[in-house]
Amino acid sequence: MSFWTFTPPEVKDIGWFNVEAHPLANRLMGRYDKGTRGVNVFIWSDGTVSQDQPPGWVQNPSAPSAPYVQRVFYGSHTYTDVTDAEKALLQSAGYTVT
């Protein structure tokens, strides 16, 4: 079995704003580029991949056939233990796995 490397994507959408700062400081910081944040990637038990925060993390005992989160890749982290099956799912969803 071989392992692959995956780093979830980052998005630049964090604005610079501090409610306790002086209004002029916020105007100045508004001229800077937005900050980045990591995005979590979820692999579901039915084989789908999403970035949406799931409402339930574990299998629902009252609905055992409902999909549940099988693996979470937290944003801004690099994972070196991605299996071949996970690689195929991530690549089919458009992510880069090396």
PDB file of N, CA and C in Angstrom:
ATOM      1  N   MET A   1       0.846  -1.176   0.000  1.00  0.00           N
ATOM      2  CA  MET A   1       0.000   0.000   0.000  1.00  0.00           C
ATOM      3  C   MET A   1       0.895   1.244   0.000  1.00  0.00           C
ATOM      4  N   SER A   2       0.563   2.176  -0.862  1.00  0.00           N
ATOM      5  CA  SER A   2       1.340   3.417  -0.906  1.00  0.00           C
ATOM      6  C   SER A   2       0.525   4.556  -0.312  1.00  0.00           C
ATOM      7  N   PHE A   3       1.227   5.531   0.188  1.00  0.00           N
ATOM      8  CA  PHE A   3       0.569   6.690   0.773  1.00  0.00           C
ATOM      9  C   PHE A   3       0.884   7.928  -0.043  1.00  0.00           C
ATOM     10  N   TRP A   4      -0.045   8.875  -0.039  1.00  0.00           N
ATOM     11  CA  TRP A   4       0.058  10.090  -0.816  1.00  0.00           C
ATOM     12  C   TRP A   4      -0.023  11.302   0.107  1.00  0.00           C
ATOM     13  N   THR A   5       0.316  12.470  -0.446  1.00  0.00           N
ATOM     14  CA  THR A   5       0.310  13.706   0.320  1.00  0.00           C
ATOM     15  C   THR A   5      -0.813  14.612  -0.163  1.00  0.00           C
ATOM     16  N   PHE A   6      -1.538  15.195   0.802  1.00  0.00           N
ATOM     17  CA  PHE A   6      -2.637  16.095   0.467  1.00  0.00           C
ATOM     18  C   PHE A   6      -2.649  17.268   1.440  1.00  0.00           C
ATOM     19  N   THR A   7      -2.782  18.464   0.893  1.00  0.00           N
ATOM     20  CA  THR A   7      -2.951  19.674   1.686  1.00  0.00           C
ATOM     21  C   THR A   7      -4.249  20.339   1.245  1.00  0.00           C
ATOM     22  N   PRO A   8      -5.223  20.482   2.139  1.00  0.00           N
ATOM     23  CA  PRO A   8      -6.475  21.143   1.756  1.00  0.00           C
ATOM     24  C   PRO A   8      -6.216  22.565   1.265  1.00  0.00           C
ATOM     25  N   PRO A   9      -7.096  23.071   0.414  1.00  0.00           N
ATOM     26  CA  PRO A   9      -6.883  24.403  -0.147  1.00  0.00           C
ATOM     27  C   PRO A   9      -7.061  25.510   0.886  1.00  0.00           C
ATOM     28  N   GLU A  10      -6.591  26.690   0.525  1.00  0.00           N
ATOM     29  CA  GLU A  10      -6.783  27.886   1.346  1.00  0.00           C
ATOM     30  C   GLU A  10      -7.556  28.901   0.531  1.00  0.00           C
ATOM     31  N   VAL A  11      -8.330  29.733   1.208  1.00  0.00           N
ATOM     32  CA  VAL A  11      -9.051  30.811   0.543  1.00  0.00           C
ATOM     33  C   VAL A  11      -8.643  32.137   1.176  1.00  0.00           C
ATOM     34  N   LYS A  12      -8.645  33.177   0.350  1.00  0.00           N
ATOM     35  CA  LYS A  12      -8.280  34.511   0.832  1.00  0.00           C
ATOM     36  C   LYS A  12      -9.555  35.305   1.044  1.00  0.00           C
ATOM     37  N   ASP A  13     -10.135  35.187   2.231  1.00  0.00           N
ATOM     38  CA  ASP A  13     -11.381  35.904   2.471  1.00  0.00           C
ATOM     39  C   ASP A  13     -11.494  36.494   3.875  1.00  0.00           C
ATOM     40  N   ILE A  14     -10.386  36.550   4.591  1.00  0.00           N
ATOM     41  CA  ILE A  14     -10.413  37.106   5.939  1.00  0.00           C
ATOM     42  C   ILE A  14     -10.044  38.586   5.860  1.00  0.00           C
ATOM     43  N   GLY A  15     -11.014  39.428   6.137  1.00  0.00           N
ATOM     44  CA  GLY A  15     -10.778  40.869   6.107  1.00  0.00           C
ATOM     45  C   GLY A  15     -10.090  41.349   7.380  1.00  0.00           C
ATOM     46  N   TRP A  16      -9.359  42.433   7.259  1.00  0.00           N
ATOM     47  CA  TRP A  16      -8.664  43.018   8.401  1.00  0.00           C
ATOM     48  C   TRP A  16      -9.586  44.038   9.044  1.00  0.00           C
ATOM     49  N   PHE A  17     -10.117  43.713  10.204  1.00  0.00           N
ATOM     50  CA  PHE A  17     -11.011  44.620  10.907  1.00  0.00           C
ATOM     51  C   PHE A  17     -10.971  44.289  12.388  1.00  0.00           C
ATOM     52  N   ASN A  18     -10.897  45.306  13.217  1.00  0.00           N
ATOM     53  CA  ASN A  18     -10.873  45.125  14.660  1.00  0.00           C
ATOM     54  C   ASN A  18     -11.886  46.093  15.251  1.00  0.00           C
ATOM     55  N   VAL A  19     -12.899  45.584  15.913  1.00  0.00           N
ATOM     56  CA  VAL A  19     -13.952  46.446  16.449  1.00  0.00           C
ATOM     57  C   VAL A  19     -13.441  47.384  17.528  1.00  0.00           C
ATOM     58  N   GLU A  20     -12.327  47.040  18.162  1.00  0.00           N
ATOM     59  CA  GLU A  20     -11.781  47.891  19.219  1.00  0.00           C
ATOM     60  C   GLU A  20     -10.764  48.894  18.689  1.00  0.00           C
ATOM     61  N   ALA A  21     -10.410  48.800  17.421  1.00  0.00           N
ATOM     62  CA  ALA A  21      -9.391  49.707  16.861  1.00  0.00           C
ATOM     63  C   ALA A  21     -10.014  51.040  16.474  1.00  0.00           C
ATOM     64  N   HIS A  22      -9.173  52.010  16.331  1.00  0.00           N
ATOM     65  CA  HIS A  22      -9.593  53.336  15.877  1.00  0.00           C
ATOM     66  C   HIS A  22     -10.085  53.228  14.434  1.00  0.00           C
ATOM     67  N   PRO A  23     -11.126  53.976  14.042  1.00  0.00           N
ATOM     68  CA  PRO A  23     -11.646  53.896  12.676  1.00  0.00           C
ATOM     69  C   PRO A  23     -10.580  54.141  11.607  1.00  0.00           C
ATOM     70  N   LEU A  24      -9.620  55.025  11.890  1.00  0.00           N
ATOM     71  CA  LEU A  24      -8.557  55.274  10.906  1.00  0.00           C
ATOM     72  C   LEU A  24      -7.668  54.044  10.728  1.00  0.00           C
ATOM     73  N   ALA A  25      -7.445  53.309  11.816  1.00  0.00           N
ATOM     74  CA  ALA A  25      -6.639  52.085  11.717  1.00  0.00           C
ATOM     75  C   ALA A  25      -7.360  51.057  10.847  1.00  0.00           C
ATOM     76  N   ASN A  26      -8.680  50.936  11.013  1.00  0.00           N
ATOM     77  CA  ASN A  26      -9.442  49.996  10.194  1.00  0.00           C
ATOM     78  C   ASN A  26      -9.439  50.412   8.725  1.00  0.00           C
ATOM     79  N   ARG A  27      -9.484  51.706   8.464  1.00  0.00           N
ATOM     80  CA  ARG A  27      -9.419  52.175   7.073  1.00  0.00           C
ATOM     81  C   ARG A  27      -8.063  51.829   6.460  1.00  0.00           C
ATOM     82  N   LEU A  28      -6.998  52.019   7.237  1.00  0.00           N
ATOM     83  CA  LEU A  28      -5.663  51.681   6.743  1.00  0.00           C
ATOM     84  C   LEU A  28      -5.553  50.181   6.475  1.00  0.00           C
ATOM     85  N   MET A  29      -5.992  49.361   7.416  1.00  0.00           N
ATOM     86  CA  MET A  29      -5.878  47.913   7.240  1.00  0.00           C
ATOM     87  C   MET A  29      -6.779  47.412   6.110  1.00  0.00           C
ATOM     88  N   GLY A  30      -7.824  48.159   5.797  1.00  0.00           N
ATOM     89  CA  GLY A  30      -8.692  47.785   4.692  1.00  0.00           C
ATOM     90  C   GLY A  30      -7.993  47.830   3.344  1.00  0.00           C
ATOM     91  N   ARG A  31      -6.856  48.493   3.279  1.00  0.00           N
ATOM     92  CA  ARG A  31      -6.094  48.579   2.032  1.00  0.00           C
ATOM     93  C   ARG A  31      -5.164  47.379   1.828  1.00  0.00           C
ATOM     94  N   TYR A  32      -4.982  46.594   2.861  1.00  0.00           N
ATOM     95  CA  TYR A  32      -4.138  45.411   2.761  1.00  0.00           C
ATOM     96  C   TYR A  32      -4.912  44.276   2.106  1.00  0.00           C
ATOM     97  N   ASP A  33      -4.174  43.323   1.527  1.00  0.00           N
ATOM     98  CA  ASP A  33      -4.809  42.128   0.968  1.00  0.00           C
ATOM     99  C   ASP A  33      -5.497  41.352   2.081  1.00  0.00           C
ATOM    100  N   LYS A  34      -6.534  40.649   1.701  1.00  0.00           N
ATOM    101  CA  LYS A  34      -7.237  39.812   2.672  1.00  0.00           C
ATOM    102  C   LYS A  34      -6.343  38.662   3.122  1.00  0.00           C
ATOM    103  N   GLY A  35      -6.578  38.189   4.327  1.00  0.00           N
ATOM    104  CA  GLY A  35      -5.808  37.082   4.871  1.00  0.00           C
ATOM    105  C   GLY A  35      -6.348  35.738   4.406  1.00  0.00           C
ATOM    106  N   THR A  36      -5.528  34.707   4.554  1.00  0.00           N
ATOM    107  CA  THR A  36      -5.935  33.365   4.122  1.00  0.00           C
ATOM    108  C   THR A  36      -6.384  32.533   5.318  1.00  0.00           C
ATOM    109  N   ARG A  37      -7.233  31.561   5.017  1.00  0.00           N
ATOM    110  CA  ARG A  37      -7.654  30.585   6.023  1.00  0.00           C
ATOM    111  C   ARG A  37      -7.737  29.224   5.355  1.00  0.00           C
ATOM    112  N   GLY A  38      -7.477  28.205   6.120  1.00  0.00           N
ATOM    113  CA  GLY A  38      -7.578  26.846   5.599  1.00  0.00           C
ATOM    114  C   GLY A  38      -9.020  26.391   5.525  1.00  0.00           C
ATOM    115  N   VAL A  39      -9.298  25.508   4.587  1.00  0.00           N
ATOM    116  CA  VAL A  39     -10.638  24.967   4.389  1.00  0.00           C
ATOM    117  C   VAL A  39     -10.615  23.478   4.725  1.00  0.00           C
ATOM    118  N   ASN A  40     -11.544  23.038   5.562  1.00  0.00           N
ATOM    119  CA  ASN A  40     -11.647  21.613   5.891  1.00  0.00           C
ATOM    120  C   ASN A  40     -12.272  20.849   4.731  1.00  0.00           C
ATOM    121  N   VAL A  41     -11.780  19.635   4.501  1.00  0.00           N
ATOM    122  CA  VAL A  41     -12.326  18.767   3.456  1.00  0.00           C
ATOM    123  C   VAL A  41     -12.805  17.483   4.128  1.00  0.00           C
ATOM    124  N   PHE A  42     -14.045  17.094   3.808  1.00  0.00           N
ATOM    125  CA  PHE A  42     -14.677  15.931   4.439  1.00  0.00           C
ATOM    126  C   PHE A  42     -14.898  14.834   3.405  1.00  0.00           C
ATOM    127  N   ILE A  43     -14.523  13.599   3.753  1.00  0.00           N
ATOM    128  CA  ILE A  43     -14.865  12.435   2.934  1.00  0.00           C
ATOM    129  C   ILE A  43     -15.998  11.718   3.665  1.00  0.00           C
ATOM    130  N   TRP A  44     -17.104  11.510   2.939  1.00  0.00           N
ATOM    131  CA  TRP A  44     -18.291  10.891   3.507  1.00  0.00           C
ATOM    132  C   TRP A  44     -18.294   9.392   3.234  1.00  0.00           C
ATOM    133  N   SER A  45     -19.050   8.660   4.011  1.00  0.00           N
ATOM    134  CA  SER A  45     -19.107   7.199   3.879  1.00  0.00           C
ATOM    135  C   SER A  45     -19.699   6.749   2.550  1.00  0.00           C
ATOM    136  N   ASP A  46     -20.449   7.626   1.870  1.00  0.00           N
ATOM    137  CA  ASP A  46     -21.015   7.256   0.570  1.00  0.00           C
ATOM    138  C   ASP A  46     -20.086   7.606  -0.591  1.00  0.00           C
ATOM    139  N   GLY A  47     -18.854   8.068  -0.279  1.00  0.00           N
ATOM    140  CA  GLY A  47     -17.871   8.350  -1.314  1.00  0.00           C
ATOM    141  C   GLY A  47     -17.863   9.774  -1.826  1.00  0.00           C
ATOM    142  N   THR A  48     -18.690  10.641  -1.269  1.00  0.00           N
ATOM    143  CA  THR A  48     -18.675  12.037  -1.696  1.00  0.00           C
ATOM    144  C   THR A  48     -17.650  12.821  -0.890  1.00  0.00           C
ATOM    145  N   VAL A  49     -17.209  13.922  -1.475  1.00  0.00           N
ATOM    146  CA  VAL A  49     -16.228  14.798  -0.848  1.00  0.00           C
ATOM    147  C   VAL A  49     -16.825  16.197  -0.821  1.00  0.00           C
ATOM    148  N   SER A  50     -16.716  16.872   0.328  1.00  0.00           N
ATOM    149  CA  SER A  50     -17.271  18.220   0.415  1.00  0.00           C
ATOM    150  C   SER A  50     -16.428  19.090   1.340  1.00  0.00           C
ATOM    151  N   GLN A  51     -16.673  20.400   1.252  1.00  0.00           N
ATOM    152  CA  GLN A  51     -16.048  21.354   2.156  1.00  0.00           C
ATOM    153  C   GLN A  51     -17.080  21.908   3.132  1.00  0.00           C
ATOM    154  N   ASP A  52     -18.305  21.452   3.036  1.00  0.00           N
ATOM    155  CA  ASP A  52     -19.375  21.946   3.899  1.00  0.00           C
ATOM    156  C   ASP A  52     -19.272  21.327   5.285  1.00  0.00           C
ATOM    157  N   GLN A  53     -19.467  22.166   6.293  1.00  0.00           N
ATOM    158  CA  GLN A  53     -19.457  21.672   7.664  1.00  0.00           C
ATOM    159  C   GLN A  53     -20.644  20.722   7.854  1.00  0.00           C
ATOM    160  N   PRO A  54     -20.406  19.477   8.214  1.00  0.00           N
ATOM    161  CA  PRO A  54     -21.512  18.521   8.332  1.00  0.00           C
ATOM    162  C   PRO A  54     -22.328  18.748   9.595  1.00  0.00           C
ATOM    163  N   PRO A  55     -23.628  18.478   9.528  1.00  0.00           N
ATOM    164  CA  PRO A  55     -24.450  18.615  10.727  1.00  0.00           C
ATOM    165  C   PRO A  55     -24.185  17.518  11.751  1.00  0.00           C
ATOM    166  N   GLY A  56     -23.761  16.350  11.306  1.00  0.00           N
ATOM    167  CA  GLY A  56     -23.458  15.255  12.229  1.00  0.00           C
ATOM    168  C   GLY A  56     -22.126  14.639  11.877  1.00  0.00           C
ATOM    169  N   TRP A  57     -21.328  14.344  12.894  1.00  0.00           N
ATOM    170  CA  TRP A  57     -19.992  13.815  12.641  1.00  0.00           C
ATOM    171  C   TRP A  57     -19.941  12.301  12.681  1.00  0.00           C
ATOM    172  N   VAL A  58     -20.881  11.690  13.362  1.00  0.00           N
ATOM    173  CA  VAL A  58     -20.839  10.234  13.534  1.00  0.00           C
ATOM    174  C   VAL A  58     -22.061   9.602  12.906  1.00  0.00           C
ATOM    175  N   GLN A  59     -22.017   8.313  12.797  1.00  0.00           N
ATOM    176  CA  GLN A  59     -23.146   7.582  12.213  1.00  0.00           C
ATOM    177  C   GLN A  59     -24.367   7.715  13.118  1.00  0.00           C
ATOM    178  N   ASN A  60     -25.499   7.991  12.506  1.00  0.00           N
ATOM    179  CA  ASN A  60     -26.750   8.158  13.234  1.00  0.00           C
ATOM    180  C   ASN A  60     -27.352   6.782  13.509  1.00  0.00           C
ATOM    181  N   PRO A  61     -27.502   6.381  14.785  1.00  0.00           N
ATOM    182  CA  PRO A  61     -28.041   5.053  15.086  1.00  0.00           C
ATOM    183  C   PRO A  61     -29.473   4.855  14.583  1.00  0.00           C
ATOM    184  N   SER A  62     -30.248   5.944  14.521  1.00  0.00           N
ATOM    185  CA  SER A  62     -31.627   5.800  14.065  1.00  0.00           C
ATOM    186  C   SER A  62     -31.725   5.750  12.542  1.00  0.00           C
ATOM    187  N   ALA A  63     -30.659   6.111  11.844  1.00  0.00           N
ATOM    188  CA  ALA A  63     -30.636   6.042  10.373  1.00  0.00           C
ATOM    189  C   ALA A  63     -29.272   5.516   9.944  1.00  0.00           C
ATOM    190  N   PRO A  64     -29.008   4.220  10.155  1.00  0.00           N
ATOM    191  CA  PRO A  64     -27.674   3.679   9.892  1.00  0.00           C
ATOM    192  C   PRO A  64     -27.240   3.754   8.431  1.00  0.00           C
ATOM    193  N   SER A  65     -28.192   3.891   7.513  1.00  0.00           N
ATOM    194  CA  SER A  65     -27.806   3.958   6.101  1.00  0.00           C
ATOM    195  C   SER A  65     -27.482   5.384   5.658  1.00  0.00           C
ATOM    196  N   ALA A  66     -27.707   6.365   6.521  1.00  0.00           N
ATOM    197  CA  ALA A  66     -27.400   7.755   6.174  1.00  0.00           C
ATOM    198  C   ALA A  66     -25.881   7.949   6.140  1.00  0.00           C
ATOM    199  N   PRO A  67     -25.374   8.772   5.210  1.00  0.00           N
ATOM    200  CA  PRO A  67     -23.923   8.978   5.146  1.00  0.00           C
ATOM    201  C   PRO A  67     -23.391   9.692   6.390  1.00  0.00           C
ATOM    202  N   TYR A  68     -22.171   9.369   6.744  1.00  0.00           N
ATOM    203  CA  TYR A  68     -21.505  10.000   7.877  1.00  0.00           C
ATOM    204  C   TYR A  68     -20.075  10.352   7.467  1.00  0.00           C
ATOM    205  N   VAL A  69     -19.428  11.204   8.232  1.00  0.00           N
ATOM    206  CA  VAL A  69     -18.066  11.634   7.922  1.00  0.00           C
ATOM    207  C   VAL A  69     -17.103  10.491   8.226  1.00  0.00           C
ATOM    208  N   GLN A  70     -16.342  10.125   7.206  1.00  0.00           N
ATOM    209  CA  GLN A  70     -15.396   9.021   7.350  1.00  0.00           C
ATOM    210  C   GLN A  70     -13.984   9.532   7.627  1.00  0.00           C
ATOM    211  N   ARG A  71     -13.642  10.698   7.043  1.00  0.00           N
ATOM    212  CA  ARG A  71     -12.300  11.253   7.215  1.00  0.00           C
ATOM    213  C   ARG A  71     -12.383  12.759   7.084  1.00  0.00           C
ATOM    214  N   VAL A  72     -11.631  13.471   7.913  1.00  0.00           N
ATOM    215  CA  VAL A  72     -11.569  14.930   7.861  1.00  0.00           C
ATOM    216  C   VAL A  72     -10.126  15.348   7.605  1.00  0.00           C
ATOM    217  N   PHE A  73      -9.942  16.234   6.634  1.00  0.00           N
ATOM    218  CA  PHE A  73      -8.652  16.858   6.391  1.00  0.00           C
ATOM    219  C   PHE A  73      -8.798  18.310   6.817  1.00  0.00           C
ATOM    220  N   TYR A  74      -8.144  18.681   7.908  1.00  0.00           N
ATOM    221  CA  TYR A  74      -8.267  20.031   8.432  1.00  0.00           C
ATOM    222  C   TYR A  74      -7.420  20.996   7.617  1.00  0.00           C
ATOM    223  N   GLY A  75      -7.983  22.167   7.364  1.00  0.00           N
ATOM    224  CA  GLY A  75      -7.295  23.175   6.570  1.00  0.00           C
ATOM    225  C   GLY A  75      -5.969  23.594   7.190  1.00  0.00           C
ATOM    226  N   SER A  76      -5.036  23.993   6.331  1.00  0.00           N
ATOM    227  CA  SER A  76      -3.699  24.456   6.726  1.00  0.00           C
ATOM    228  C   SER A  76      -2.830  23.354   7.331  1.00  0.00           C
ATOM    229  N   HIS A  77      -3.197  22.107   7.126  1.00  0.00           N
ATOM    230  CA  HIS A  77      -2.377  20.976   7.566  1.00  0.00           C
ATOM    231  C   HIS A  77      -2.020  20.140   6.333  1.00  0.00           C
ATOM    232  N   THR A  78      -0.888  19.464   6.394  1.00  0.00           N
ATOM    233  CA  THR A  78      -0.481  18.570   5.320  1.00  0.00           C
ATOM    234  C   THR A  78      -0.572  17.142   5.828  1.00  0.00           C
ATOM    235  N   TYR A  79      -1.221  16.298   5.043  1.00  0.00           N
ATOM    236  CA  TYR A  79      -1.430  14.894   5.417  1.00  0.00           C
ATOM    237  C   TYR A  79      -0.602  14.004   4.496  1.00  0.00           C
ATOM    238  N   THR A  80       0.199  13.128   5.082  1.00  0.00           N
ATOM    239  CA  THR A  80       1.064  12.242   4.303  1.00  0.00           C
ATOM    240  C   THR A  80       0.599  10.791   4.362  1.00  0.00           C
ATOM    241  N   ASP A  81      -0.599  10.560   4.868  1.00  0.00           N
ATOM    242  CA  ASP A  81      -1.109   9.198   5.023  1.00  0.00           C
ATOM    243  C   ASP A  81      -2.379   8.957   4.205  1.00  0.00           C
ATOM    244  N   VAL A  82      -2.481   9.603   3.058  1.00  0.00           N
ATOM    245  CA  VAL A  82      -3.661   9.460   2.208  1.00  0.00           C
ATOM    246  C   VAL A  82      -3.565   8.151   1.429  1.00  0.00           C
ATOM    247  N   THR A  83      -4.588   7.326   1.523  1.00  0.00           N
ATOM    248  CA  THR A  83      -4.580   6.030   0.847  1.00  0.00           C
ATOM    249  C   THR A  83      -4.925   6.186  -0.634  1.00  0.00           C
ATOM    250  N   ASP A  84      -4.764   5.113  -1.382  1.00  0.00           N
ATOM    251  CA  ASP A  84      -5.090   5.133  -2.815  1.00  0.00           C
ATOM    252  C   ASP A  84      -6.574   5.424  -3.042  1.00  0.00           C
ATOM    253  N   ALA A  85      -7.437   4.841  -2.209  1.00  0.00           N
ATOM    254  CA  ALA A  85      -8.881   5.065  -2.359  1.00  0.00           C
ATOM    255  C   ALA A  85      -9.237   6.518  -2.075  1.00  0.00           C
ATOM    256  N   GLU A  86      -8.638   7.096  -1.026  1.00  0.00           N
ATOM    257  CA  GLU A  86      -8.893   8.503  -0.707  1.00  0.00           C
ATOM    258  C   GLU A  86      -8.338   9.412  -1.790  1.00  0.00           C
ATOM    259  N   LYS A  87      -7.182   9.035  -2.346  1.00  0.00           N
ATOM    260  CA  LYS A  87      -6.601   9.815  -3.432  1.00  0.00           C
ATOM    261  C   LYS A  87      -7.564   9.864  -4.620  1.00  0.00           C
ATOM    262  N   ALA A  88      -8.139   8.732  -4.971  1.00  0.00           N
ATOM    263  CA  ALA A  88      -9.062   8.681  -6.105  1.00  0.00           C
ATOM    264  C   ALA A  88     -10.284   9.561  -5.849  1.00  0.00           C
ATOM    265  N   LEU A  89     -10.829   9.509  -4.625  1.00  0.00           N
ATOM    266  CA  LEU A  89     -11.984  10.336  -4.292  1.00  0.00           C
ATOM    267  C   LEU A  89     -11.644  11.827  -4.342  1.00  0.00           C
ATOM    268  N   LEU A  90     -10.502  12.198  -3.776  1.00  0.00           N
ATOM    269  CA  LEU A  90     -10.107  13.609  -3.756  1.00  0.00           C
ATOM    270  C   LEU A  90      -9.846  14.127  -5.157  1.00  0.00           C
ATOM    271  N   GLN A  91      -9.158  13.330  -5.987  1.00  0.00           N
ATOM    272  CA  GLN A  91      -8.864  13.772  -7.341  1.00  0.00           C
ATOM    273  C   GLN A  91     -10.130  13.873  -8.185  1.00  0.00           C
ATOM    274  N   SER A  92     -11.076  12.969  -7.976  1.00  0.00           N
ATOM    275  CA  SER A  92     -12.322  13.054  -8.738  1.00  0.00           C
ATOM    276  C   SER A  92     -13.141  14.268  -8.319  1.00  0.00           C
ATOM    277  N   ALA A  93     -12.893  14.790  -7.107  1.00  0.00           N
ATOM    278  CA  ALA A  93     -13.588  15.992  -6.651  1.00  0.00           C
ATOM    279  C   ALA A  93     -12.829  17.261  -7.057  1.00  0.00           C
ATOM    280  N   GLY A  94     -11.674  17.100  -7.708  1.00  0.00           N
ATOM    281  CA  GLY A  94     -10.944  18.263  -8.213  1.00  0.00           C
ATOM    282  C   GLY A  94      -9.781  18.727  -7.365  1.00  0.00           C
ATOM    283  N   TYR A  95      -9.401  17.982  -6.344  1.00  0.00           N
ATOM    284  CA  TYR A  95      -8.278  18.352  -5.495  1.00  0.00           C
ATOM    285  C   TYR A  95      -6.973  17.756  -6.034  1.00  0.00           C
ATOM    286  N   THR A  96      -5.864  18.356  -5.646  1.00  0.00           N
ATOM    287  CA  THR A  96      -4.551  17.873  -6.067  1.00  0.00           C
ATOM    288  C   THR A  96      -3.944  17.020  -4.976  1.00  0.00           C
ATOM    289  N   VAL A  97      -3.578  15.802  -5.313  1.00  0.00           N
ATOM    290  CA  VAL A  97      -2.931  14.883  -4.378  1.00  0.00           C
ATOM    291  C   VAL A  97      -1.612  14.456  -5.014  1.00  0.00           C
ATOM    292  N   THR A  98      -0.528  14.604  -4.266  1.00  0.00           N
ATOM    293  CA  THR A  98       0.800  14.257  -4.817  1.00  0.00           C
ATOM    294  C   THR A  98       1.392  13.059  -4.104  1.00  0.00           C
TER     295      THR A  98
END
